[in-house]
C-alpha atoms as a PDB file:
ATOM      1  CA  MET A   1     -41.551  23.743 -61.381  1.00  0.00           C
ATOM      2  CA  ASN A   2     -40.867  24.895 -64.799  1.00  0.00           C
ATOM      3  CA  SER A   3     -37.953  22.867 -67.073  1.00  0.00           C
ATOM      4  CA  TYR A   4     -35.913  24.273 -70.442  1.00  0.00           C
ATOM      5  CA  PHE A   5     -33.928  21.914 -72.463  1.00  0.00           C
ATOM      6  CA  VAL A   6     -31.346  22.052 -74.451  1.00  0.00           C
ATOM      7  CA  TYR A   7     -30.608  20.059 -77.492  1.00  0.00           C
ATOM      8  CA  ILE A   8     -28.384  19.526 -80.208  1.00  0.00           C
ATOM      9  CA  LEU A   9     -30.146  17.983 -83.623  1.00  0.00           C
ATOM     10  CA  GLU A  10     -28.210  16.420 -86.860  1.00  0.00           C
ATOM     11  CA  CYS A  11     -29.846  17.783 -89.986  1.00  0.00           C
ATOM     12  CA  SER A  12     -29.884  15.944 -93.355  1.00  0.00           C
ATOM     13  CA  ASP A  13     -26.836  17.121 -94.296  1.00  0.00           C
ATOM     14  CA  GLY A  14     -24.493  16.348 -91.614  1.00  0.00           C
ATOM     15  CA  LYS A  15     -24.709  19.416 -89.701  1.00  0.00           C
ATOM     16  CA  PHE A  16     -26.026  20.380 -86.231  1.00  0.00           C
ATOM     17  CA  TYR A  17     -28.709  22.345 -85.127  1.00  0.00           C
ATOM     18  CA  THR A  18     -28.492  23.841 -81.843  1.00  0.00           C
ATOM     19  CA  GLY A  19     -31.684  25.071 -80.046  1.00  0.00           C
ATOM     20  CA  VAL A  20     -33.383  25.670 -76.524  1.00  0.00           C
ATOM     21  CA  THR A  21     -37.235  25.307 -75.468  1.00  0.00           C
ATOM     22  CA  ASN A  22     -39.570  24.446 -72.578  1.00  0.00           C
ATOM     23  CA  ASP A  23     -41.335  21.367 -74.140  1.00  0.00           C
ATOM     24  CA  LEU A  24     -38.878  18.838 -76.193  1.00  0.00           C
ATOM     25  CA  ASP A  25     -41.376  17.019 -77.677  1.00  0.00           C
ATOM     26  CA  ALA A  26     -43.611  19.448 -78.839  1.00  0.00           C
ATOM     27  CA  ARG A  27     -39.841  21.153 -80.562  1.00  0.00           C
ATOM     28  CA  LEU A  28     -38.239  18.254 -81.834  1.00  0.00           C
ATOM     29  CA  SER A  29     -42.526  17.398 -83.434  1.00  0.00           C
ATOM     30  CA  GLY A  30     -42.346  21.586 -85.153  1.00  0.00           C
ATOM     31  CA  HIS A  31     -38.375  20.641 -86.534  1.00  0.00           C
ATOM     32  CA  GLU A  32     -39.301  17.391 -88.309  1.00  0.00           C
ATOM     33  CA  ARG A  33     -43.148  18.715 -89.857  1.00  0.00           C
ATOM     34  CA  GLY A  34     -41.642  21.364 -90.989  1.00  0.00           C
ATOM     35  CA  LEU A  35     -44.100  24.180 -89.649  1.00  0.00           C
ATOM     36  CA  ASN A  36     -41.203  27.063 -90.327  1.00  0.00           C
ATOM     37  CA  GLU A  37     -39.885  27.284 -94.599  1.00  0.00           C
ATOM     38  CA  LYS A  38     -37.720  30.561 -93.223  1.00  0.00           C
ATOM     39  CA  SER A  39     -36.560  28.191 -89.876  1.00  0.00           C
ATOM     40  CA  TYR A  40     -33.290  26.217 -90.479  1.00  0.00           C
ATOM     41  CA  THR A  41     -34.069  23.208 -90.466  1.00  0.00           C
ATOM     42  CA  TYR A  42     -36.213  23.546 -92.786  1.00  0.00           C
ATOM     43  CA  SER A  43     -34.453  22.428 -95.529  1.00  0.00           C
ATOM     44  CA  ARG A  44     -32.683  20.284 -93.970  1.00  0.00           C
ATOM     45  CA  ARG A  45     -35.134  17.623 -92.486  1.00  0.00           C
ATOM     46  CA  PRO A  46     -35.164  15.070 -91.338  1.00  0.00           C
ATOM     47  CA  VAL A  47     -33.705  15.261 -88.333  1.00  0.00           C
ATOM     48  CA  LYS A  48     -32.235  13.477 -85.854  1.00  0.00           C
ATOM     49  CA  LEU A  49     -31.931  14.200 -82.202  1.00  0.00           C
ATOM     50  CA  VAL A  50     -28.225  13.594 -81.417  1.00  0.00           C
ATOM     51  CA  HIS A  51     -28.051  14.796 -77.246  1.00  0.00           C
ATOM     52  CA  SER A  52     -30.834  16.913 -74.980  1.00  0.00           C
ATOM     53  CA  GLU A  53     -29.895  18.322 -71.172  1.00  0.00           C
ATOM     54  CA  GLU A  54     -32.461  19.633 -68.689  1.00  0.00           C
ATOM     55  CA  PHE A  55     -32.078  22.604 -66.572  1.00  0.00           C
ATOM     56  CA  ASP A  56     -34.668  24.444 -64.284  1.00  0.00           C
ATOM     57  CA  ASP A  57     -33.684  27.717 -64.682  1.00  0.00           C
ATOM     58  CA  ILE A  58     -33.530  29.254 -68.235  1.00  0.00           C
ATOM     59  CA  ASN A  59     -30.608  31.068 -67.920  1.00  0.00           C
ATOM     60  CA  GLN A  60     -28.544  28.503 -66.843  1.00  0.00           C
ATOM     61  CA  ALA A  61     -30.041  26.570 -70.056  1.00  0.00           C
ATOM     62  CA  ILE A  62     -29.590  29.684 -72.563  1.00  0.00           C
ATOM     63  CA  ASP A  63     -26.311  29.622 -70.753  1.00  0.00           C
ATOM     64  CA  ARG A  64     -25.215  26.554 -71.598  1.00  0.00           C
ATOM     65  CA  GLU A  65     -26.310  27.136 -75.267  1.00  0.00           C
ATOM     66  CA  LYS A  66     -24.633  29.592 -76.222  1.00  0.00           C
ATOM     67  CA  GLN A  67     -21.188  27.758 -75.456  1.00  0.00           C
ATOM     68  CA  ILE A  68     -22.284  24.314 -77.587  1.00  0.00           C
ATOM     69  CA  LYS A  69     -22.912  27.239 -80.728  1.00  0.00           C
ATOM     70  CA  GLY A  70     -19.487  28.357 -79.535  1.00  0.00           C
ATOM     71  CA  TRP A  71     -17.813  25.626 -80.583  1.00  0.00           C
ATOM     72  CA  ARG A  72     -15.470  24.264 -83.208  1.00  0.00           C
ATOM     73  CA  ARG A  73     -17.797  22.122 -86.122  1.00  0.00           C
ATOM     74  CA  GLU A  74     -15.466  19.280 -86.379  1.00  0.00           C
END
């Protein structure tokens, strides 16, 4: 059975990034190492994982990510 994760990172500038992945450790490592210069977190490193949730269904994970992204930033 596959697992999918919704995660929230706190960036060095105090802003938050929310994403979905099927490999949380690898995705966090990618954010921390700055593998993509165009990514939101690239210039906001270091990042810290502040929340994660696990789902069995990718659609549920995507729905949760959308819900979180709709929250107010305060």
